[in-house]
């Protein structure tokens, strides 16, 4: 389910079945890596849309957590830990973070939720039809990962 009024109405009616939340982690930089961070955010956003479609009814896709790439790691971890506290207190069993920013790998062990790092694909030079196929392939990989996490927790 998406973070919009229509889907949230559906979520409220069936939240006992929605045990998973996903948060895209979206870096922003206005420096030399501006194009790279824009590509990461674009890729993860498109991937998140496809992922939400696959798990509609089981997963709540929150809006992306946008942060400055230059932000101190301790601050980022602290912010994410605050999100985790709220989400787990609201009885979500699974929290997934989806990102193309490899910087999160260094702090992964400090997170209670599961970090999914996907290398960003350069979508700007790919035709729309090929783009959809590539994203579908990436989502299939994520489906397996989500299913494994759910089964190991049951």
C-alpha atoms as a PDB file:
ATOM      1  CA  UNK A   1       0.000   0.000   0.000  1.00  0.00           C
ATOM      2  CA  UNK A   2       1.184   3.465  -0.855  1.00  0.00           C
ATOM      3  CA  UNK A   3       1.312   6.490   1.401  1.00  0.00           C
ATOM      4  CA  UNK A   4      -1.824   8.145   0.064  1.00  0.00           C
ATOM      5  CA  UNK A   5      -5.282   8.720   1.534  1.00  0.00           C
ATOM      6  CA  UNK A   6      -6.990   5.979  -0.470  1.00  0.00           C
ATOM      7  CA  UNK A   7      -4.455   3.261   0.391  1.00  0.00           C
ATOM      8  CA  UNK A   8      -4.195   4.398   4.016  1.00  0.00           C
ATOM      9  CA  UNK A   9      -7.976   3.954   4.331  1.00  0.00           C
ATOM     10  CA  UNK A  10      -7.513   0.377   3.114  1.00  0.00           C
ATOM     11  CA  UNK A  11      -4.553  -0.049   5.498  1.00  0.00           C
ATOM     12  CA  UNK A  12      -6.627   1.061   8.500  1.00  0.00           C
ATOM     13  CA  UNK A  13      -9.307  -1.522   7.670  1.00  0.00           C
ATOM     14  CA  UNK A  14      -6.840  -4.376   7.254  1.00  0.00           C
ATOM     15  CA  UNK A  15      -3.781  -3.429   9.295  1.00  0.00           C
ATOM     16  CA  UNK A  16      -3.706  -6.746  11.148  1.00  0.00           C
ATOM     17  CA  UNK A  17      -2.566  -8.278   7.823  1.00  0.00           C
ATOM     18  CA  UNK A  18       0.040  -5.615   7.041  1.00  0.00           C
ATOM     19  CA  UNK A  19       3.101  -6.525   9.070  1.00  0.00           C
ATOM     20  CA  UNK A  20       5.783  -4.998   6.858  1.00  0.00           C
ATOM     21  CA  UNK A  21       6.862  -1.460   6.122  1.00  0.00           C
ATOM     22  CA  UNK A  22       9.451  -0.352   3.576  1.00  0.00           C
ATOM     23  CA  UNK A  23      11.290   2.954   3.455  1.00  0.00           C
ATOM     24  CA  UNK A  24      13.285   4.037   0.418  1.00  0.00           C
ATOM     25  CA  UNK A  25      16.498   5.812   1.477  1.00  0.00           C
ATOM     26  CA  UNK A  26      17.129   8.658  -0.971  1.00  0.00           C
ATOM     27  CA  UNK A  27      20.411  10.596  -0.938  1.00  0.00           C
ATOM     28  CA  UNK A  28      20.694  14.179  -2.172  1.00  0.00           C
ATOM     29  CA  UNK A  29      23.916  15.966  -3.007  1.00  0.00           C
ATOM     30  CA  UNK A  30      24.418  19.250  -4.775  1.00  0.00           C
ATOM     31  CA  UNK A  31      28.150  18.677  -5.154  1.00  0.00           C
ATOM     32  CA  UNK A  32      30.180  16.775  -7.708  1.00  0.00           C
ATOM     33  CA  UNK A  33      28.071  13.652  -7.192  1.00  0.00           C
ATOM     34  CA  UNK A  34      24.743  15.414  -7.874  1.00  0.00           C
ATOM     35  CA  UNK A  35      23.985  13.308 -10.960  1.00  0.00           C
ATOM     36  CA  UNK A  36      24.933  10.070  -9.194  1.00  0.00           C
ATOM     37  CA  UNK A  37      22.664  10.749  -6.195  1.00  0.00           C
ATOM     38  CA  UNK A  38      19.814  11.814  -8.494  1.00  0.00           C
ATOM     39  CA  UNK A  39      20.184   8.542 -10.417  1.00  0.00           C
ATOM     40  CA  UNK A  40      20.183   6.557  -7.139  1.00  0.00           C
ATOM     41  CA  UNK A  41      17.035   8.264  -5.933  1.00  0.00           C
ATOM     42  CA  UNK A  42      15.295   7.813  -9.285  1.00  0.00           C
ATOM     43  CA  UNK A  43      16.168   4.114  -9.428  1.00  0.00           C
ATOM     44  CA  UNK A  44      15.091   3.374  -5.845  1.00  0.00           C
ATOM     45  CA  UNK A  45      11.864   5.352  -6.266  1.00  0.00           C
ATOM     46  CA  UNK A  46      10.902   3.434  -9.425  1.00  0.00           C
ATOM     47  CA  UNK A  47      11.878   0.143  -7.803  1.00  0.00           C
ATOM     48  CA  UNK A  48       9.772   0.975  -4.733  1.00  0.00           C
ATOM     49  CA  UNK A  49       6.691   1.596  -6.874  1.00  0.00           C
ATOM     50  CA  UNK A  50       7.061  -1.841  -8.473  1.00  0.00           C
ATOM     51  CA  UNK A  51       7.733  -3.492  -5.133  1.00  0.00           C
ATOM     52  CA  UNK A  52       4.628  -1.942  -3.575  1.00  0.00           C
ATOM     53  CA  UNK A  53       2.523  -3.318  -6.452  1.00  0.00           C
ATOM     54  CA  UNK A  54       3.835  -6.828  -5.834  1.00  0.00           C
ATOM     55  CA  UNK A  55       3.154  -6.779  -2.094  1.00  0.00           C
ATOM     56  CA  UNK A  56      -0.032  -4.728  -1.999  1.00  0.00           C
ATOM     57  CA  UNK A  57      -1.948  -5.799   1.093  1.00  0.00           C
ATOM     58  CA  UNK A  58       1.101  -7.035   2.993  1.00  0.00           C
ATOM     59  CA  UNK A  59       3.449  -4.063   2.801  1.00  0.00           C
ATOM     60  CA  UNK A  60       3.110  -0.349   3.517  1.00  0.00           C
ATOM     61  CA  UNK A  61       5.520   1.709   1.399  1.00  0.00           C
ATOM     62  CA  UNK A  62       6.357   4.896   3.268  1.00  0.00           C
ATOM     63  CA  UNK A  63       7.523   8.036   1.492  1.00  0.00           C
ATOM     64  CA  UNK A  64      11.239   8.076   0.864  1.00  0.00           C
ATOM     65  CA  UNK A  65      13.559   9.192   3.642  1.00  0.00           C
ATOM     66  CA  UNK A  66      15.472  11.961   1.893  1.00  0.00           C
ATOM     67  CA  UNK A  67      18.780  13.042   3.395  1.00  0.00           C
ATOM     68  CA  UNK A  68      21.833  15.047   2.468  1.00  0.00           C
ATOM     69  CA  UNK A  69      24.644  12.752   1.397  1.00  0.00           C
ATOM     70  CA  UNK A  70      27.007  14.883   3.497  1.00  0.00           C
ATOM     71  CA  UNK A  71      25.064  14.188   6.725  1.00  0.00           C
ATOM     72  CA  UNK A  72      27.076  12.601   9.523  1.00  0.00           C
ATOM     73  CA  UNK A  73      26.533   8.817   9.789  1.00  0.00           C
ATOM     74  CA  UNK A  74      25.679   9.048  13.504  1.00  0.00           C
ATOM     75  CA  UNK A  75      22.884  11.529  12.740  1.00  0.00           C
ATOM     76  CA  UNK A  76      21.494   9.306   9.960  1.00  0.00           C
ATOM     77  CA  UNK A  77      21.525   6.244  12.216  1.00  0.00           C
ATOM     78  CA  UNK A  78      19.905   8.206  15.026  1.00  0.00           C
ATOM     79  CA  UNK A  79      17.123   9.390  12.706  1.00  0.00           C
ATOM     80  CA  UNK A  80      16.488   5.898  11.359  1.00  0.00           C
ATOM     81  CA  UNK A  81      16.501   4.419  14.870  1.00  0.00           C
ATOM     82  CA  UNK A  82      13.758   6.931  15.797  1.00  0.00           C
ATOM     83  CA  UNK A  83      11.717   5.696  12.825  1.00  0.00           C
ATOM     84  CA  UNK A  84      12.307   2.099  13.917  1.00  0.00           C
ATOM     85  CA  UNK A  85      11.122   2.813  17.455  1.00  0.00           C
ATOM     86  CA  UNK A  86       7.886   4.282  16.124  1.00  0.00           C
ATOM     87  CA  UNK A  87       7.301   1.541  13.555  1.00  0.00           C
ATOM     88  CA  UNK A  88       7.975  -1.373  15.893  1.00  0.00           C
ATOM     89  CA  UNK A  89       5.825   0.308  18.583  1.00  0.00           C
ATOM     90  CA  UNK A  90       2.997   0.368  16.014  1.00  0.00           C
ATOM     91  CA  UNK A  91       3.411  -3.425  15.722  1.00  0.00           C
ATOM     92  CA  UNK A  92       5.108  -3.722  12.367  1.00  0.00           C
ATOM     93  CA  UNK A  93       7.124  -6.945  12.475  1.00  0.00           C
ATOM     94  CA  UNK A  94       9.365  -6.192   9.507  1.00  0.00           C
ATOM     95  CA  UNK A  95      11.056  -2.953   8.501  1.00  0.00           C
ATOM     96  CA  UNK A  96      12.983  -2.825   5.233  1.00  0.00           C
ATOM     97  CA  UNK A  97      15.184  -0.006   3.974  1.00  0.00           C
ATOM     98  CA  UNK A  98      15.830   0.080   0.242  1.00  0.00           C
ATOM     99  CA  UNK A  99      18.778   2.074  -1.059  1.00  0.00           C
ATOM    100  CA  UNK A 100      21.454   2.379  -3.713  1.00  0.00           C
ATOM    101  CA  UNK A 101      23.719   4.377  -1.398  1.00  0.00           C
ATOM    102  CA  UNK A 102      26.497   2.006  -0.348  1.00  0.00           C
ATOM    103  CA  UNK A 103      27.257   4.269   2.631  1.00  0.00           C
ATOM    104  CA  UNK A 104      24.412   2.570   4.501  1.00  0.00           C
ATOM    105  CA  UNK A 105      26.275  -0.755   4.382  1.00  0.00           C
ATOM    106  CA  UNK A 106      28.790   0.645   6.892  1.00  0.00           C
ATOM    107  CA  UNK A 107      26.060   1.229   9.498  1.00  0.00           C
ATOM    108  CA  UNK A 108      23.796  -1.711   8.657  1.00  0.00           C
ATOM    109  CA  UNK A 109      24.614  -3.546  11.900  1.00  0.00           C
ATOM    110  CA  UNK A 110      23.331  -0.563  13.900  1.00  0.00           C
ATOM    111  CA  UNK A 111      19.865  -0.845  12.358  1.00  0.00           C
ATOM    112  CA  UNK A 112      17.168  -3.114  13.706  1.00  0.00           C
ATOM    113  CA  UNK A 113      15.404  -3.280  10.339  1.00  0.00           C
ATOM    114  CA  UNK A 114      16.741  -4.978   7.223  1.00  0.00           C
ATOM    115  CA  UNK A 115      18.837  -2.965   4.780  1.00  0.00           C
ATOM    116  CA  UNK A 116      18.504  -3.882   1.122  1.00  0.00           C
ATOM    117  CA  UNK A 117      21.204  -2.372  -1.028  1.00  0.00           C
ATOM    118  CA  UNK A 118      20.655  -2.469  -4.770  1.00  0.00           C
ATOM    119  CA  UNK A 119      23.284  -1.081  -7.130  1.00  0.00           C
ATOM    120  CA  UNK A 120      21.784   1.800  -9.071  1.00  0.00           C
ATOM    121  CA  UNK A 121      21.221   1.180 -12.742  1.00  0.00           C
ATOM    122  CA  UNK A 122      21.693   4.083 -15.192  1.00  0.00           C
ATOM    123  CA  UNK A 123      18.092   4.359 -16.379  1.00  0.00           C
ATOM    124  CA  UNK A 124      18.502   7.672 -18.200  1.00  0.00           C
ATOM    125  CA  UNK A 125      19.865   6.037 -21.368  1.00  0.00           C
ATOM    126  CA  UNK A 126      17.421   3.130 -21.422  1.00  0.00           C
ATOM    127  CA  UNK A 127      14.184   3.076 -23.421  1.00  0.00           C
ATOM    128  CA  UNK A 128      10.945   3.016 -21.427  1.00  0.00           C
ATOM    129  CA  UNK A 129      10.032  -0.558 -22.461  1.00  0.00           C
ATOM    130  CA  UNK A 130      13.476  -1.890 -21.517  1.00  0.00           C
ATOM    131  CA  UNK A 131      13.395   0.098 -18.282  1.00  0.00           C
ATOM    132  CA  UNK A 132      10.216  -1.698 -17.159  1.00  0.00           C
ATOM    133  CA  UNK A 133      11.766  -5.081 -17.915  1.00  0.00           C
ATOM    134  CA  UNK A 134      14.939  -4.250 -15.993  1.00  0.00           C
ATOM    135  CA  UNK A 135      12.936  -3.039 -12.991  1.00  0.00           C
ATOM    136  CA  UNK A 136      10.812  -6.205 -13.086  1.00  0.00           C
ATOM    137  CA  UNK A 137      13.988  -8.309 -12.953  1.00  0.00           C
ATOM    138  CA  UNK A 138      15.227  -6.329  -9.958  1.00  0.00           C
ATOM    139  CA  UNK A 139      11.873  -6.683  -8.176  1.00  0.00           C
ATOM    140  CA  UNK A 140      11.952 -10.465  -8.700  1.00  0.00           C
ATOM    141  CA  UNK A 141      15.242 -10.555  -6.800  1.00  0.00           C
ATOM    142  CA  UNK A 142      13.672  -8.522  -4.009  1.00  0.00           C
ATOM    143  CA  UNK A 143      10.622 -10.797  -3.871  1.00  0.00           C
ATOM    144  CA  UNK A 144      12.812 -13.740  -2.982  1.00  0.00           C
ATOM    145  CA  UNK A 145      14.635 -11.736  -0.327  1.00  0.00           C
ATOM    146  CA  UNK A 146      11.400 -10.527   1.282  1.00  0.00           C
ATOM    147  CA  UNK A 147       9.939 -14.045   1.282  1.00  0.00           C
ATOM    148  CA  UNK A 148      13.075 -15.425   2.969  1.00  0.00           C
ATOM    149  CA  UNK A 149      12.930 -12.748   5.674  1.00  0.00           C
ATOM    150  CA  UNK A 150       9.239 -13.410   6.306  1.00  0.00           C
ATOM    151  CA  UNK A 151       9.722 -17.193   6.474  1.00  0.00           C
ATOM    152  CA  UNK A 152      12.681 -16.975   8.831  1.00  0.00           C
ATOM    153  CA  UNK A 153      10.643 -14.806  11.216  1.00  0.00           C
ATOM    154  CA  UNK A 154       7.621 -17.114  11.287  1.00  0.00           C
END
